[in-house]
């Protein structure tokens, strides 16, 4: 039986979960599939493991010596995929038995363009919801005689225990999926082209979902398919260089500014103000604060100390980003894309 699906695994923010994630896919996937693994500059031990598994399992391994932004990595895999469906999945996601069967069945039954699973977060696996579909659209707000475009984004059941909402989880049409894991019908890329690499670190999932809607595609959530995104505190030095670039202020700002321009959105909107205020939040939560607390023997650091350290960390982060571009100047210039605006789906008085 010829595979209908190509699984494209790519780095999200670190490399240390690669083994657990890959072994989960091979242990819990019952239907035939092809797999393309995009290895964007992993450390030697991870690279050696991936080479060994590629030989044993027969999957295609694409290696770059430089770090990659997520959409850059996904596009490398996408260019090699020939099946009816592709699944984008991050290298820090573990899957549960039957996950791929359920995604493909949903796509076949509904003719969906995109299908996302019930995405949980953390350990124990499969217990706390991160995403069960959601809403993502451009709305028009009317204030007096002025009309403004705004982003509407909503996650369903975020941070809820699965057991508390089990009876409410059912296959449904939605507008929102995330790249932690999503199945996509290959034919949509003939209409929209590859993923937009100008979005380096944030809003790439919103951009993709809006673009799919713009060409008449549909998105479904299939909660019978369950995967778990497994974040963790950054204690491994070999993860830090990529993590700091992946969530750098530079990449976040460039992504937000480009997203605003592409979709003709006001940067003064509270949606974007919130995201500018949160620059570096992922770095501070997963790296800086835990390390400071460890150095203080478990004592919560006072706010004044954290303010000082965050300022120093921002300087370090800027140096790391600048060094990356000195070493890899070819990554500085991103592809030019035609800016296409989505039609508004909702008009409301604000």
Protein backbone atom coordinates (compact mmCIF):
# COMPACT_ATOMS: atom_id res chain seq x y z
CA UNK A 1 0.00 0.00 0.00
CA UNK A 2 1.47 3.32 -1.08
CA UNK A 3 1.65 5.95 1.67
CA UNK A 4 -0.80 8.85 1.40
CA UNK A 5 1.10 10.92 3.95
CA UNK A 6 4.57 12.39 4.34
CA UNK A 7 5.48 13.37 7.91
CA UNK A 8 7.83 16.37 7.99
CA UNK A 9 9.64 16.73 11.31
CA UNK A 10 11.41 20.02 11.97
CA UNK A 11 13.00 21.81 14.96
CA UNK A 12 10.81 23.99 17.12
CA UNK A 13 13.10 25.52 19.75
CA UNK A 14 15.58 22.84 20.89
CA UNK A 15 17.04 19.47 19.89
CA UNK A 16 17.10 17.46 23.10
CA UNK A 17 13.64 15.93 22.65
CA UNK A 18 14.36 14.64 19.14
CA UNK A 19 14.84 11.01 20.16
CA UNK A 20 11.67 10.73 22.26
CA UNK A 21 9.62 12.46 19.56
CA UNK A 22 10.89 10.36 16.65
CA UNK A 23 10.56 7.07 18.54
CA UNK A 24 7.02 8.03 19.49
CA UNK A 25 6.11 8.47 15.81
CA UNK A 26 7.48 5.05 14.82
CA UNK A 27 5.92 3.33 17.85
CA UNK A 28 2.41 4.75 17.49
CA UNK A 29 1.79 5.14 13.74
CA UNK A 30 -0.05 2.18 12.24
CA UNK A 31 -0.66 3.27 8.64
CA UNK A 32 2.08 3.54 5.96
CA UNK A 33 3.88 6.87 5.80
CA UNK A 34 6.98 8.51 4.44
CA UNK A 35 9.08 10.65 6.74
CA UNK A 36 11.34 13.58 6.01
CA UNK A 37 13.42 14.85 8.91
CA UNK A 38 14.82 18.37 8.65
CA UNK A 39 17.84 18.76 10.92
CA UNK A 40 18.73 22.43 11.17
CA UNK A 41 22.14 22.54 12.84
CA UNK A 42 21.63 20.08 15.70
CA UNK A 43 24.59 19.21 17.95
CA UNK A 44 26.82 16.25 17.05
CA UNK A 45 25.17 13.65 19.29
CA UNK A 46 21.68 14.41 17.94
CA UNK A 47 22.93 14.50 14.37
CA UNK A 48 24.66 11.13 14.80
CA UNK A 49 21.47 9.63 16.26
CA UNK A 50 19.39 10.95 13.35
CA UNK A 51 21.85 9.57 10.80
CA UNK A 52 21.70 6.15 12.46
CA UNK A 53 17.88 6.13 12.59
CA UNK A 54 17.66 7.36 9.00
CA UNK A 55 19.67 4.31 7.90
CA UNK A 56 17.64 1.92 10.05
CA UNK A 57 14.18 3.28 9.21
CA UNK A 58 14.83 4.49 5.68
CA UNK A 59 13.61 8.06 6.09
CA UNK A 60 15.05 11.08 4.29
CA UNK A 61 17.31 13.26 6.42
CA UNK A 62 17.93 16.83 5.31
CA UNK A 63 20.78 18.52 7.19
CA UNK A 64 21.87 22.16 7.24
CA UNK A 65 24.82 23.35 9.29
CA UNK A 66 23.10 26.64 10.09
CA UNK A 67 20.04 27.03 12.28
CA UNK A 68 16.72 27.40 10.48
CA UNK A 69 13.59 29.38 11.20
CA UNK A 70 10.61 26.99 11.44
CA UNK A 71 9.04 27.87 8.08
CA UNK A 72 12.43 27.60 6.38
CA UNK A 73 12.78 24.06 7.73
CA UNK A 74 9.22 23.08 6.81
CA UNK A 75 9.65 24.32 3.26
CA UNK A 76 12.79 22.20 2.81
CA UNK A 77 10.74 19.14 3.69
CA UNK A 78 7.72 20.25 1.70
CA UNK A 79 9.79 20.58 -1.47
CA UNK A 80 10.60 16.85 -1.26
CA UNK A 81 7.12 15.54 -0.38
CA UNK A 82 5.09 13.84 -3.13
CA UNK A 83 2.12 12.35 -1.26
CA UNK A 84 -1.51 13.56 -1.11
CA UNK A 85 -1.05 14.82 2.45
CA UNK A 86 1.79 16.22 4.50
CA UNK A 87 1.96 16.40 8.27
CA UNK A 88 4.05 19.14 9.81
CA UNK A 89 5.15 18.13 13.30
CA UNK A 90 7.68 19.70 15.65
CA UNK A 91 10.57 17.75 17.14
CA UNK A 92 9.27 18.20 20.71
CA UNK A 93 5.90 16.49 20.09
CA UNK A 94 4.97 12.94 21.10
CA UNK A 95 2.01 11.15 19.53
CA UNK A 96 -0.55 8.66 20.80
CA UNK A 97 -1.63 5.43 19.05
CA UNK A 98 -3.85 5.97 16.04
CA UNK A 99 -3.09 9.66 15.74
CA UNK A 100 -2.32 9.61 12.02
CA UNK A 101 -5.19 7.27 11.13
CA UNK A 102 -7.63 9.71 12.71
CA UNK A 103 -6.16 12.76 10.95
CA UNK A 104 -6.31 11.11 7.52
CA UNK A 105 -9.82 9.74 8.11
CA UNK A 106 -11.06 13.20 9.06
CA UNK A 107 -9.50 14.74 5.96
CA UNK A 108 -10.99 12.03 3.74
CA UNK A 109 -14.45 12.29 5.33
CA UNK A 110 -14.68 16.09 5.33
CA UNK A 111 -12.42 16.98 2.37
CA UNK A 112 -10.68 19.34 4.79
CA UNK A 113 -7.63 21.26 3.66
CA UNK A 114 -6.10 21.21 7.14
CA UNK A 115 -6.75 18.91 10.10
CA UNK A 116 -5.28 19.49 13.53
CA UNK A 117 -5.30 16.96 16.37
CA UNK A 118 -6.14 17.52 20.00
CA UNK A 119 -2.83 19.02 21.05
CA UNK A 120 -1.96 18.61 24.70
CA UNK A 121 0.94 20.10 26.62
CA UNK A 122 3.40 18.79 29.18
CA UNK A 123 3.64 15.61 31.18
CA UNK A 124 1.85 13.34 31.91
CA UNK A 125 1.18 13.09 28.20
CA UNK A 126 -2.31 13.68 26.89
CA UNK A 127 -3.84 15.22 30.01
CA UNK A 128 -3.79 19.02 29.64
CA UNK A 129 -5.12 20.74 26.52
CA UNK A 130 -2.99 23.22 24.63
CA UNK A 131 -5.22 23.48 21.56
CA UNK A 132 -8.46 21.87 20.41
CA UNK A 133 -9.10 24.07 17.39
CA UNK A 134 -10.00 27.72 17.53
CA UNK A 135 -10.81 30.88 15.63
CA UNK A 136 -8.56 33.08 13.50
CA UNK A 137 -9.88 35.76 11.18
CA UNK A 138 -9.56 39.39 10.15
CA UNK A 139 -12.48 41.48 11.39
CA UNK A 140 -13.48 45.03 10.56
CA UNK A 141 -14.11 47.30 13.52
CA UNK A 142 -16.15 50.42 12.80
CA UNK A 143 -15.46 53.41 15.04
CA UNK A 144 -17.43 56.43 14.00
CA UNK A 145 -16.53 56.97 10.35
CA UNK A 146 -13.31 54.97 10.56
CA UNK A 147 -12.94 51.32 9.71
CA UNK A 148 -10.04 49.25 11.06
CA UNK A 149 -8.86 45.73 10.36
CA UNK A 150 -8.07 43.62 13.41
CA UNK A 151 -6.99 40.07 14.16
CA UNK A 152 -9.42 37.86 16.04
CA UNK A 153 -7.76 34.80 17.61
CA UNK A 154 -9.21 32.31 20.07
CA UNK A 155 -8.04 28.92 21.34
CA UNK A 156 -10.66 26.38 22.37
CA UNK A 157 -10.28 24.71 25.79
CA UNK A 158 -6.77 26.07 26.36
CA UNK A 159 -5.16 24.77 29.60
CA UNK A 160 -8.22 22.68 30.49
CA UNK A 161 -7.79 19.10 31.75
CA UNK A 162 -8.94 16.67 29.07
CA UNK A 163 -11.09 14.76 31.58
CA UNK A 164 -13.08 17.92 32.40
CA UNK A 165 -14.20 18.52 28.80
CA UNK A 166 -14.05 15.04 27.31
CA UNK A 167 -17.76 15.05 26.43
CA UNK A 168 -17.39 18.38 24.58
CA UNK A 169 -14.49 17.28 22.38
CA UNK A 170 -15.73 16.30 18.95
CA UNK A 171 -14.72 16.67 15.33
CA UNK A 172 -15.56 20.20 14.27
CA UNK A 173 -14.95 22.81 11.63
CA UNK A 174 -12.72 25.63 12.93
CA UNK A 175 -10.39 28.37 11.70
CA UNK A 176 -7.26 27.73 13.65
CA UNK A 177 -4.45 25.17 13.79
CA UNK A 178 -0.87 25.30 15.03
CA UNK A 179 2.32 23.88 13.58
CA UNK A 180 2.96 21.75 16.64
CA UNK A 181 1.14 19.19 14.49
CA UNK A 182 -1.18 19.61 11.51
CA UNK A 183 -2.11 17.57 8.45
CA UNK A 184 -2.35 19.55 5.20
CA UNK A 185 -3.69 18.56 1.79
CA UNK A 186 -0.78 18.98 -0.64
CA UNK A 187 -2.89 20.51 -3.38
CA UNK A 188 -3.40 23.73 -1.38
CA UNK A 189 0.25 24.67 -1.95
CA UNK A 190 -0.44 24.85 -5.68
CA UNK A 191 -2.76 27.75 -4.85
CA UNK A 192 -0.83 29.52 -2.11
CA UNK A 193 2.79 28.59 -2.71
CA UNK A 194 5.18 27.51 0.07
CA UNK A 195 5.01 28.71 3.65
CA UNK A 196 6.00 32.34 4.11
CA UNK A 197 9.62 32.43 5.30
CA UNK A 198 9.40 36.12 6.19
CA UNK A 199 7.66 34.97 9.38
CA UNK A 200 10.70 33.88 11.34
CA UNK A 201 9.38 33.06 14.78
CA UNK A 202 5.80 34.06 15.39
CA UNK A 203 2.34 34.39 13.75
CA UNK A 204 3.30 31.86 11.04
CA UNK A 205 0.41 29.58 12.00
CA UNK A 206 -2.10 32.46 11.93
CA UNK A 207 -0.75 33.58 8.57
CA UNK A 208 -1.12 30.07 7.15
CA UNK A 209 -4.66 29.61 8.45
CA UNK A 210 -5.76 33.01 7.09
CA UNK A 211 -4.20 32.16 3.72
CA UNK A 212 -5.95 28.80 3.57
CA UNK A 213 -9.26 30.52 4.28
CA UNK A 214 -8.52 33.09 1.61
CA UNK A 215 -8.41 30.41 -1.11
CA UNK A 216 -11.54 28.69 0.15
CA UNK A 217 -9.87 25.94 2.17
CA UNK A 218 -11.34 24.44 5.32
CA UNK A 219 -9.83 23.56 8.70
CA UNK A 220 -11.03 20.85 11.07
CA UNK A 221 -10.02 19.71 14.52
CA UNK A 222 -10.11 15.95 15.09
CA UNK A 223 -9.79 15.29 18.86
CA UNK A 224 -9.68 11.51 18.33
CA UNK A 225 -6.10 12.19 17.19
CA UNK A 226 -4.03 13.12 20.24
CA UNK A 227 -0.48 14.48 20.41
CA UNK A 228 1.42 16.23 23.19
CA UNK A 229 3.82 19.15 22.92
CA UNK A 230 6.50 18.72 25.60
CA UNK A 231 8.20 21.99 26.63
CA UNK A 232 10.87 22.04 29.28
CA UNK A 233 13.23 24.36 31.09
CA UNK A 234 16.47 24.91 29.14
CA UNK A 235 19.23 23.28 31.17
CA UNK A 236 21.19 21.85 28.22
CA UNK A 237 23.81 24.22 26.87
CA UNK A 238 23.73 22.69 23.38
CA UNK A 239 20.07 23.76 23.03
CA UNK A 240 20.60 27.35 24.09
CA UNK A 241 22.20 28.80 20.96
CA UNK A 242 19.25 27.81 18.79
CA UNK A 243 16.65 28.60 21.47
CA UNK A 244 17.99 32.14 21.95
CA UNK A 245 17.93 32.82 18.20
CA UNK A 246 14.54 31.14 17.67
CA UNK A 247 12.90 33.42 20.24
CA UNK A 248 15.13 36.43 19.68
CA UNK A 249 13.77 39.96 19.88
CA UNK A 250 15.06 40.50 16.34
CA UNK A 251 13.13 37.58 14.85
CA UNK A 252 9.97 38.41 16.79
CA UNK A 253 9.98 42.08 15.75
CA UNK A 254 10.69 41.28 12.10
CA UNK A 255 7.88 38.72 12.09
CA UNK A 256 5.33 41.02 13.73
CA UNK A 257 6.16 43.96 11.47
CA UNK A 258 5.90 41.80 8.36
CA UNK A 259 2.62 40.22 9.51
CA UNK A 260 1.12 43.69 10.08
CA UNK A 261 2.17 44.85 6.63
CA UNK A 262 1.02 41.71 4.85
CA UNK A 263 -2.46 41.76 6.35
CA UNK A 264 -2.82 45.57 6.54
CA UNK A 265 -3.18 45.65 10.32
CA UNK A 266 -2.51 48.56 12.71
CA UNK A 267 0.53 48.07 14.95
CA UNK A 268 -1.25 50.15 17.58
CA UNK A 269 -3.89 47.43 17.97
CA UNK A 270 -3.93 45.81 21.43
CA UNK A 271 -3.30 42.42 19.79
CA UNK A 272 0.15 43.61 18.71
CA UNK A 273 0.83 45.83 21.72
CA UNK A 274 0.52 42.72 23.88
CA UNK A 275 3.02 40.85 21.72
CA UNK A 276 5.54 43.68 21.71
CA UNK A 277 5.28 43.83 25.51
CA UNK A 278 5.99 40.11 25.65
CA UNK A 279 9.19 40.20 23.59
CA UNK A 280 11.58 37.69 25.13
CA UNK A 281 8.87 36.15 27.32
CA UNK A 282 9.63 32.59 26.20
CA UNK A 283 13.36 33.05 26.87
CA UNK A 284 12.75 34.53 30.28
CA UNK A 285 10.27 31.85 31.35
CA UNK A 286 12.12 28.79 30.06
CA UNK A 287 15.70 29.90 30.62
CA UNK A 288 16.47 33.05 32.57
CA UNK A 289 14.09 32.76 35.54
CA UNK A 290 14.71 29.03 36.21
CA UNK A 291 18.48 29.51 36.08
CA UNK A 292 18.37 32.51 38.42
CA UNK A 293 16.15 30.59 40.83
CA UNK A 294 18.55 27.65 40.72
CA UNK A 295 21.51 29.94 41.48
CA UNK A 296 19.54 31.38 44.41
CA UNK A 297 18.92 27.85 45.81
CA UNK A 298 15.24 27.87 44.95
CA UNK A 299 14.43 31.38 46.18
CA UNK A 300 12.18 33.39 43.85
CA UNK A 301 14.26 36.30 42.54
CA UNK A 302 12.99 39.79 43.51
CA UNK A 303 11.45 41.88 40.68
CA UNK A 304 14.25 44.47 40.77
CA UNK A 305 16.87 41.78 40.19
CA UNK A 306 14.87 40.26 37.34
CA UNK A 307 14.47 43.66 35.68
CA UNK A 308 18.24 44.13 35.77
CA UNK A 309 18.95 40.62 34.48
CA UNK A 310 16.36 40.87 31.70
CA UNK A 311 18.07 44.04 30.48
CA UNK A 312 21.43 42.24 30.40
CA UNK A 313 19.86 39.21 28.73
CA UNK A 314 18.43 41.39 25.98
CA UNK A 315 21.93 42.65 25.18
CA UNK A 316 23.21 39.07 25.08
CA UNK A 317 20.33 38.10 22.84
CA UNK A 318 21.15 40.91 20.42
CA UNK A 319 24.78 39.77 20.30
CA UNK A 320 23.75 36.16 19.57
CA UNK A 321 21.50 37.25 16.71
CA UNK A 322 24.14 39.53 15.21
CA UNK A 323 26.73 36.73 15.42
CA UNK A 324 24.37 34.34 13.63
CA UNK A 325 24.03 36.75 10.70
CA UNK A 326 27.79 37.36 10.57
CA UNK A 327 28.36 33.61 10.29
CA UNK A 328 25.44 33.04 7.89
CA UNK A 329 24.91 36.25 5.88
CA UNK A 330 22.79 34.34 3.35
CA UNK A 331 20.06 34.11 6.01
CA UNK A 332 19.84 37.90 6.38
CA UNK A 333 17.84 38.47 3.21
CA UNK A 334 14.45 36.79 3.16
CA UNK A 335 12.39 36.07 0.02
CA UNK A 336 10.18 38.79 -1.37
CA UNK A 337 6.51 37.87 -1.39
CA UNK A 338 3.52 39.51 -2.99
CA UNK A 339 1.40 41.05 -0.27
CA UNK A 340 -2.15 39.78 -0.62
CA UNK A 341 -4.85 40.93 1.73
CA UNK A 342 -7.53 38.61 3.01
CA UNK A 343 -11.16 39.62 2.65
CA UNK A 344 -12.73 40.47 5.98
CA UNK A 345 -15.05 37.77 7.26
CA UNK A 346 -16.88 39.75 9.91
CA UNK A 347 -18.03 43.36 10.09
CA UNK A 348 -19.03 44.68 13.47
CA UNK A 349 -19.49 47.98 15.24
CA UNK A 350 -16.88 48.56 17.92
